[in-house]
Amino acid sequence: MAAVAKSVAKRVFRVSPMPRFTIHDLAETIDARAASGGEASYTRKLLDKGPEHCAKKFGEEAVETVIAAIENDRAHLIAESADLLYHFLVLLKARGIKLEEVEAALDKRTSMSGLEEKASRKGG
């Protein structure tokens, strides 16, 4: 029975595998486009306008993501979430912060409960 389930699972996976594009892939794409010329790259154009502009774009996408969540529109929320992640990484790039630095901060926070971590920050 287990062999049959395994066989079915393999066939299902081959038919509809999950995409393997990760947030790290996106960060690498942003790095590559940041190094390219501005005319062909939206990323380069955003970065050329400065970190403040990138922060505003990130804020706009955050609001659009919240609206999609409130509307309970799954497809719209997924699309806006993708935009939000992209603009978040562009903002980090504009400020010279690597995704790994954010991951390190998250890693530190997972060593204590969320309530303890929040209380440890200024203004708790």
N, C-alpha and C. Protein backbone atom coordinates (compact mmCIF):
# COMPACT_ATOMS: atom_id res chain seq x y z
N MET A 1 0.82 -1.19 0.00
CA MET A 1 0.00 0.00 0.00
C MET A 1 0.87 1.26 0.00
N ALA A 2 1.93 1.28 0.81
CA ALA A 2 2.81 2.44 0.87
C ALA A 2 3.49 2.67 -0.47
N ALA A 3 3.84 1.59 -1.17
CA ALA A 3 4.48 1.72 -2.48
C ALA A 3 3.53 2.37 -3.48
N VAL A 4 2.25 2.02 -3.41
CA VAL A 4 1.26 2.62 -4.30
C VAL A 4 1.13 4.11 -4.01
N ALA A 5 1.05 4.48 -2.75
CA ALA A 5 0.94 5.88 -2.37
C ALA A 5 2.16 6.67 -2.84
N LYS A 6 3.33 6.05 -2.69
CA LYS A 6 4.56 6.70 -3.12
C LYS A 6 4.55 6.91 -4.63
N SER A 7 4.10 5.90 -5.36
CA SER A 7 4.03 5.99 -6.81
C SER A 7 3.05 7.08 -7.25
N VAL A 8 1.92 7.15 -6.60
CA VAL A 8 0.92 8.17 -6.92
C VAL A 8 1.49 9.55 -6.61
N ALA A 9 2.14 9.68 -5.48
CA ALA A 9 2.71 10.96 -5.09
C ALA A 9 3.76 11.41 -6.10
N LYS A 10 4.57 10.49 -6.58
CA LYS A 10 5.58 10.84 -7.59
C LYS A 10 4.92 11.33 -8.87
N ARG A 11 3.85 10.65 -9.30
CA ARG A 11 3.16 11.06 -10.53
C ARG A 11 2.51 12.42 -10.34
N VAL A 12 1.90 12.66 -9.20
CA VAL A 12 1.26 13.95 -8.93
C VAL A 12 2.31 15.05 -8.92
N PHE A 13 3.44 14.79 -8.31
CA PHE A 13 4.50 15.79 -8.25
C PHE A 13 5.02 16.11 -9.65
N ARG A 14 5.18 15.11 -10.48
CA ARG A 14 5.67 15.35 -11.84
C ARG A 14 4.65 16.14 -12.65
N VAL A 15 3.38 15.93 -12.40
CA VAL A 15 2.34 16.61 -13.16
C VAL A 15 2.25 18.07 -12.74
N SER A 16 2.32 18.34 -11.44
CA SER A 16 2.14 19.72 -10.98
C SER A 16 3.15 20.08 -9.88
N PRO A 17 4.43 20.17 -10.24
CA PRO A 17 5.42 20.50 -9.21
C PRO A 17 5.26 21.95 -8.75
N MET A 18 5.60 22.18 -7.50
CA MET A 18 5.58 23.53 -6.96
C MET A 18 6.73 24.30 -7.59
N PRO A 19 6.53 25.56 -7.88
CA PRO A 19 7.62 26.35 -8.44
C PRO A 19 8.75 26.46 -7.43
N ARG A 20 9.95 26.46 -7.90
CA ARG A 20 11.10 26.51 -7.01
C ARG A 20 11.77 27.87 -7.03
N PHE A 21 11.11 28.87 -7.53
CA PHE A 21 11.64 30.23 -7.51
C PHE A 21 11.51 30.73 -6.08
N THR A 22 12.61 31.12 -5.48
CA THR A 22 12.60 31.53 -4.08
C THR A 22 12.84 33.02 -3.93
N ILE A 23 12.67 33.50 -2.72
CA ILE A 23 12.95 34.91 -2.45
C ILE A 23 14.43 35.21 -2.67
N HIS A 24 15.28 34.20 -2.49
CA HIS A 24 16.71 34.39 -2.77
C HIS A 24 16.95 34.55 -4.27
N ASP A 25 16.19 33.82 -5.08
CA ASP A 25 16.28 34.00 -6.53
C ASP A 25 15.87 35.42 -6.91
N LEU A 26 14.82 35.92 -6.29
CA LEU A 26 14.36 37.27 -6.55
C LEU A 26 15.43 38.28 -6.16
N ALA A 27 16.05 38.09 -5.00
CA ALA A 27 17.12 38.99 -4.55
C ALA A 27 18.28 38.98 -5.54
N GLU A 28 18.63 37.82 -6.07
CA GLU A 28 19.71 37.73 -7.06
C GLU A 28 19.32 38.44 -8.35
N THR A 29 18.07 38.30 -8.77
CA THR A 29 17.60 38.99 -9.96
C THR A 29 17.67 40.51 -9.77
N ILE A 30 17.27 40.98 -8.60
CA ILE A 30 17.33 42.41 -8.30
C ILE A 30 18.78 42.89 -8.32
N ASP A 31 19.69 42.11 -7.74
CA ASP A 31 21.11 42.47 -7.76
C ASP A 31 21.62 42.59 -9.20
N ALA A 32 21.25 41.62 -10.03
CA ALA A 32 21.70 41.64 -11.42
C ALA A 32 21.14 42.84 -12.18
N ARG A 33 19.87 43.11 -11.97
CA ARG A 33 19.24 44.23 -12.67
C ARG A 33 19.75 45.57 -12.14
N ALA A 34 20.11 45.61 -10.87
CA ALA A 34 20.66 46.84 -10.30
C ALA A 34 22.00 47.17 -10.94
N ALA A 35 22.71 46.15 -11.36
CA ALA A 35 24.02 46.34 -11.99
C ALA A 35 23.90 46.66 -13.47
N SER A 36 22.71 46.56 -14.03
CA SER A 36 22.52 46.79 -15.47
C SER A 36 22.21 48.26 -15.74
N GLY A 37 22.06 48.55 -17.02
CA GLY A 37 21.70 49.92 -17.43
C GLY A 37 20.26 50.22 -17.07
N GLY A 38 19.94 51.47 -16.86
CA GLY A 38 18.63 51.88 -16.38
C GLY A 38 17.50 51.84 -17.39
N GLU A 39 17.79 51.96 -18.66
CA GLU A 39 16.72 52.07 -19.64
C GLU A 39 15.88 50.81 -19.76
N ALA A 40 16.49 49.66 -19.62
CA ALA A 40 15.75 48.41 -19.82
C ALA A 40 15.28 47.78 -18.51
N SER A 41 15.62 48.39 -17.38
CA SER A 41 15.36 47.75 -16.10
C SER A 41 14.51 48.63 -15.19
N TYR A 42 13.32 48.14 -14.85
CA TYR A 42 12.45 48.83 -13.89
C TYR A 42 13.16 48.92 -12.53
N THR A 43 13.84 47.84 -12.15
CA THR A 43 14.57 47.82 -10.88
C THR A 43 15.60 48.93 -10.85
N ARG A 44 16.39 49.06 -11.91
CA ARG A 44 17.42 50.09 -11.96
C ARG A 44 16.79 51.48 -11.89
N LYS A 45 15.66 51.67 -12.58
CA LYS A 45 14.97 52.97 -12.56
C LYS A 45 14.50 53.31 -11.15
N LEU A 46 13.96 52.31 -10.43
CA LEU A 46 13.54 52.55 -9.04
C LEU A 46 14.73 52.96 -8.18
N LEU A 47 15.82 52.22 -8.30
CA LEU A 47 17.01 52.50 -7.49
C LEU A 47 17.60 53.86 -7.82
N ASP A 48 17.55 54.24 -9.09
CA ASP A 48 18.08 55.55 -9.49
C ASP A 48 17.29 56.71 -8.88
N LYS A 49 16.03 56.46 -8.52
CA LYS A 49 15.20 57.51 -7.91
C LYS A 49 15.47 57.65 -6.41
N GLY A 50 16.27 56.75 -5.86
CA GLY A 50 16.68 56.87 -4.47
C GLY A 50 15.87 56.06 -3.49
N PRO A 51 16.42 55.86 -2.29
CA PRO A 51 15.76 55.04 -1.27
C PRO A 51 14.42 55.57 -0.81
N GLU A 52 14.26 56.89 -0.79
CA GLU A 52 12.98 57.45 -0.36
C GLU A 52 11.87 57.05 -1.33
N HIS A 53 12.16 57.12 -2.62
CA HIS A 53 11.18 56.71 -3.63
C HIS A 53 10.87 55.22 -3.48
N CYS A 54 11.92 54.42 -3.28
CA CYS A 54 11.73 52.97 -3.10
C CYS A 54 10.86 52.69 -1.87
N ALA A 55 11.06 53.46 -0.81
CA ALA A 55 10.25 53.30 0.41
C ALA A 55 8.79 53.65 0.13
N LYS A 56 8.55 54.69 -0.63
CA LYS A 56 7.18 55.06 -0.97
C LYS A 56 6.51 53.96 -1.80
N LYS A 57 7.24 53.40 -2.76
CA LYS A 57 6.68 52.32 -3.57
C LYS A 57 6.36 51.11 -2.69
N PHE A 58 7.24 50.80 -1.76
CA PHE A 58 7.01 49.70 -0.84
C PHE A 58 5.74 49.97 -0.02
N GLY A 59 5.59 51.18 0.46
CA GLY A 59 4.40 51.55 1.23
C GLY A 59 3.12 51.42 0.41
N GLU A 60 3.17 51.85 -0.85
CA GLU A 60 2.00 51.71 -1.73
C GLU A 60 1.63 50.24 -1.89
N GLU A 61 2.63 49.41 -2.09
CA GLU A 61 2.37 47.97 -2.27
C GLU A 61 1.84 47.35 -0.98
N ALA A 62 2.32 47.84 0.17
CA ALA A 62 1.82 47.33 1.45
C ALA A 62 0.33 47.63 1.59
N VAL A 63 -0.06 48.85 1.24
CA VAL A 63 -1.47 49.23 1.32
C VAL A 63 -2.30 48.37 0.37
N GLU A 64 -1.81 48.17 -0.85
CA GLU A 64 -2.53 47.35 -1.82
C GLU A 64 -2.67 45.90 -1.33
N THR A 65 -1.65 45.42 -0.63
CA THR A 65 -1.70 44.06 -0.08
C THR A 65 -2.75 43.97 1.03
N VAL A 66 -2.80 44.98 1.88
CA VAL A 66 -3.81 45.02 2.94
C VAL A 66 -5.21 45.04 2.35
N ILE A 67 -5.40 45.87 1.34
CA ILE A 67 -6.73 45.96 0.69
C ILE A 67 -7.12 44.61 0.10
N ALA A 68 -6.19 43.94 -0.57
CA ALA A 68 -6.48 42.63 -1.14
C ALA A 68 -6.85 41.63 -0.05
N ALA A 69 -6.17 41.71 1.10
CA ALA A 69 -6.48 40.80 2.21
C ALA A 69 -7.87 41.07 2.77
N ILE A 70 -8.21 42.34 2.91
CA ILE A 70 -9.52 42.70 3.44
C ILE A 70 -10.63 42.27 2.49
N GLU A 71 -10.37 42.39 1.19
CA GLU A 71 -11.36 42.01 0.18
C GLU A 71 -11.54 40.49 0.09
N ASN A 72 -10.64 39.75 0.75
CA ASN A 72 -10.68 38.29 0.74
C ASN A 72 -10.62 37.73 -0.68
N ASP A 73 -9.77 38.36 -1.50
CA ASP A 73 -9.55 37.92 -2.88
C ASP A 73 -8.20 37.22 -2.93
N ARG A 74 -8.23 35.90 -2.90
CA ARG A 74 -7.00 35.11 -2.79
C ARG A 74 -6.01 35.41 -3.90
N ALA A 75 -6.46 35.40 -5.15
CA ALA A 75 -5.57 35.63 -6.28
C ALA A 75 -4.97 37.03 -6.24
N HIS A 76 -5.80 38.00 -5.88
CA HIS A 76 -5.31 39.38 -5.78
C HIS A 76 -4.30 39.51 -4.64
N LEU A 77 -4.56 38.84 -3.52
CA LEU A 77 -3.63 38.88 -2.39
C LEU A 77 -2.30 38.25 -2.76
N ILE A 78 -2.33 37.15 -3.49
CA ILE A 78 -1.08 36.51 -3.91
C ILE A 78 -0.29 37.44 -4.82
N ALA A 79 -0.98 38.05 -5.79
CA ALA A 79 -0.30 38.96 -6.73
C ALA A 79 0.28 40.17 -6.00
N GLU A 80 -0.49 40.75 -5.09
CA GLU A 80 0.00 41.92 -4.35
C GLU A 80 1.14 41.53 -3.41
N SER A 81 1.08 40.33 -2.86
CA SER A 81 2.16 39.85 -1.99
C SER A 81 3.46 39.72 -2.77
N ALA A 82 3.37 39.25 -4.00
CA ALA A 82 4.56 39.15 -4.85
C ALA A 82 5.13 40.54 -5.11
N ASP A 83 4.26 41.50 -5.41
CA ASP A 83 4.72 42.88 -5.61
C ASP A 83 5.36 43.43 -4.35
N LEU A 84 4.75 43.14 -3.20
CA LEU A 84 5.26 43.63 -1.92
C LEU A 84 6.66 43.08 -1.65
N LEU A 85 6.84 41.79 -1.86
CA LEU A 85 8.16 41.19 -1.64
C LEU A 85 9.21 41.80 -2.57
N TYR A 86 8.84 42.00 -3.84
CA TYR A 86 9.77 42.61 -4.80
C TYR A 86 10.17 44.01 -4.31
N HIS A 87 9.19 44.84 -3.98
CA HIS A 87 9.51 46.21 -3.58
C HIS A 87 10.24 46.25 -2.23
N PHE A 88 9.98 45.29 -1.37
CA PHE A 88 10.73 45.19 -0.11
C PHE A 88 12.21 44.93 -0.40
N LEU A 89 12.48 43.99 -1.29
CA LEU A 89 13.87 43.68 -1.61
C LEU A 89 14.55 44.83 -2.34
N VAL A 90 13.82 45.56 -3.17
CA VAL A 90 14.40 46.74 -3.83
C VAL A 90 14.74 47.80 -2.78
N LEU A 91 13.87 47.99 -1.80
CA LEU A 91 14.14 48.94 -0.73
C LEU A 91 15.38 48.53 0.06
N LEU A 92 15.49 47.26 0.39
CA LEU A 92 16.70 46.80 1.09
C LEU A 92 17.94 47.09 0.25
N LYS A 93 17.87 46.81 -1.04
CA LYS A 93 18.99 47.06 -1.94
C LYS A 93 19.33 48.55 -1.94
N ALA A 94 18.31 49.40 -1.99
CA ALA A 94 18.54 50.84 -2.01
C ALA A 94 19.25 51.32 -0.75
N ARG A 95 19.05 50.62 0.36
CA ARG A 95 19.68 50.99 1.63
C ARG A 95 20.92 50.15 1.94
N GLY A 96 21.33 49.30 0.98
CA GLY A 96 22.55 48.52 1.16
C GLY A 96 22.42 47.40 2.18
N ILE A 97 21.22 46.88 2.34
CA ILE A 97 20.97 45.80 3.29
C ILE A 97 20.72 44.51 2.52
N LYS A 98 21.41 43.46 2.90
CA LYS A 98 21.25 42.17 2.23
C LYS A 98 20.15 41.35 2.92
N LEU A 99 19.48 40.53 2.15
CA LEU A 99 18.43 39.66 2.68
C LEU A 99 18.98 38.80 3.82
N GLU A 100 20.21 38.39 3.72
CA GLU A 100 20.82 37.56 4.76
C GLU A 100 20.88 38.29 6.11
N GLU A 101 21.01 39.61 6.07
CA GLU A 101 21.02 40.38 7.32
C GLU A 101 19.64 40.34 7.99
N VAL A 102 18.60 40.41 7.18
CA VAL A 102 17.23 40.33 7.71
C VAL A 102 16.99 38.92 8.25
N GLU A 103 17.47 37.93 7.51
CA GLU A 103 17.33 36.54 7.99
C GLU A 103 18.06 36.34 9.31
N ALA A 104 19.22 36.95 9.47
CA ALA A 104 19.97 36.82 10.73
C ALA A 104 19.17 37.44 11.89
N ALA A 105 18.52 38.58 11.63
CA ALA A 105 17.68 39.20 12.67
C ALA A 105 16.52 38.28 13.02
N LEU A 106 15.91 37.67 12.00
CA LEU A 106 14.81 36.72 12.26
C LEU A 106 15.31 35.51 13.05
N ASP A 107 16.49 35.03 12.71
CA ASP A 107 17.06 33.88 13.40
C ASP A 107 17.26 34.18 14.89
N LYS A 108 17.75 35.37 15.19
CA LYS A 108 17.92 35.77 16.59
C LYS A 108 16.59 35.77 17.33
N ARG A 109 15.56 36.26 16.65
CA ARG A 109 14.25 36.37 17.28
C ARG A 109 13.61 35.02 17.56
N THR A 110 13.96 34.02 16.80
CA THR A 110 13.33 32.71 17.01
C THR A 110 13.90 31.98 18.22
N SER A 111 14.93 32.55 18.85
CA SER A 111 15.49 31.92 20.04
C SER A 111 14.67 32.22 21.30
N MET A 112 13.64 33.08 21.17
CA MET A 112 12.77 33.39 22.31
C MET A 112 11.34 33.51 21.79
N SER A 113 10.41 33.53 22.70
CA SER A 113 9.02 33.65 22.27
C SER A 113 8.78 35.02 21.65
N GLY A 114 7.75 35.12 20.84
CA GLY A 114 7.42 36.39 20.21
C GLY A 114 7.14 37.49 21.22
N LEU A 115 6.47 37.13 22.30
CA LEU A 115 6.17 38.13 23.33
C LEU A 115 7.44 38.60 24.04
N GLU A 116 8.35 37.66 24.31
CA GLU A 116 9.62 38.04 24.94
C GLU A 116 10.44 38.93 24.01
N GLU A 117 10.47 38.55 22.74
CA GLU A 117 11.25 39.31 21.77
C GLU A 117 10.71 40.73 21.65
N LYS A 118 9.42 40.86 21.56
CA LYS A 118 8.80 42.18 21.41
C LYS A 118 9.09 43.03 22.65
N ALA A 119 9.01 42.45 23.83
CA ALA A 119 9.28 43.18 25.07
C ALA A 119 10.74 43.61 25.15
N SER A 120 11.64 42.87 24.51
CA SER A 120 13.06 43.19 24.57
C SER A 120 13.44 44.39 23.70
N ARG A 121 12.56 44.72 22.73
CA ARG A 121 12.83 45.87 21.87
C ARG A 121 12.44 47.15 22.61
N LYS A 122 13.07 48.25 22.25
CA LYS A 122 12.74 49.54 22.86
C LYS A 122 11.27 49.84 22.61
N GLY A 123 10.58 50.27 23.63
CA GLY A 123 9.18 50.62 23.50
C GLY A 123 8.25 49.43 23.55
N GLY A 124 8.82 48.19 23.59
CA GLY A 124 8.09 46.94 23.73
C GLY A 124 6.76 46.93 23.21
